[in-house]
């Protein structure tokens, strides 16, 4: 069972996010894991590429 305090709030533990058009992609907060490690606020930001419609390119 996953501790609710460690569950990623951005993707609600699923590891996937979707935009308003229904495109799905890995959560950029937890990197698709669904959980955030204790003290995970110290991880560095990752620059991601986007297309002309501002969708993330994996």
Protein backbone atom coordinates (compact mmCIF):
# COMPACT_ATOMS: atom_id res chain seq x y z
CA UNK A 1 0.00 0.00 0.00
CA UNK A 2 1.32 3.45 -0.94
CA UNK A 3 1.56 6.12 1.73
CA UNK A 4 -0.74 9.06 0.78
CA UNK A 5 1.93 11.53 1.91
CA UNK A 6 4.32 10.16 -0.73
CA UNK A 7 1.76 9.95 -3.55
CA UNK A 8 2.43 12.46 -6.32
CA UNK A 9 -0.16 15.22 -6.09
CA UNK A 10 0.22 16.21 -9.75
CA UNK A 11 -0.82 12.84 -11.23
CA UNK A 12 -2.60 11.43 -8.16
CA UNK A 13 -0.34 8.37 -8.17
CA UNK A 14 -1.03 7.22 -11.73
CA UNK A 15 2.26 8.41 -13.23
CA UNK A 16 0.43 9.78 -16.26
CA UNK A 17 -0.96 13.22 -17.09
CA UNK A 18 -3.15 14.29 -19.99
CA UNK A 19 -3.78 17.62 -21.64
CA UNK A 20 -7.11 19.12 -22.66
CA UNK A 21 -7.00 17.25 -26.00
CA UNK A 22 -6.56 13.86 -24.32
CA UNK A 23 -2.86 13.38 -25.13
CA UNK A 24 -1.24 11.38 -22.33
CA UNK A 25 2.36 11.66 -21.16
CA UNK A 26 4.53 10.74 -18.18
CA UNK A 27 4.17 12.99 -15.16
CA UNK A 28 7.03 15.50 -15.11
CA UNK A 29 6.88 15.85 -11.33
CA UNK A 30 7.38 12.20 -10.32
CA UNK A 31 8.91 11.10 -13.66
CA UNK A 32 6.08 8.60 -14.18
CA UNK A 33 6.61 6.75 -10.90
CA UNK A 34 3.42 7.91 -9.14
CA UNK A 35 5.22 8.52 -5.86
CA UNK A 36 7.64 11.15 -4.64
CA UNK A 37 10.49 10.22 -2.34
CA UNK A 38 10.61 11.85 1.08
CA UNK A 39 12.64 15.03 0.66
CA UNK A 40 12.05 14.93 -3.09
CA UNK A 41 11.76 18.70 -3.26
CA UNK A 42 15.50 18.97 -3.76
CA UNK A 43 15.54 17.35 -7.22
CA UNK A 44 16.54 19.58 -10.10
CA UNK A 45 14.15 20.72 -12.81
CA UNK A 46 14.35 19.00 -16.19
CA UNK A 47 14.03 21.07 -19.36
CA UNK A 48 11.58 19.45 -21.75
CA UNK A 49 10.97 20.03 -25.45
CA UNK A 50 7.53 21.07 -26.73
CA UNK A 51 5.96 21.23 -30.18
CA UNK A 52 4.25 24.25 -31.76
CA UNK A 53 1.05 23.46 -29.78
CA UNK A 54 3.04 23.44 -26.51
CA UNK A 55 2.70 19.66 -26.07
CA UNK A 56 5.59 17.84 -24.42
CA UNK A 57 7.80 15.78 -26.69
CA UNK A 58 9.05 12.55 -25.07
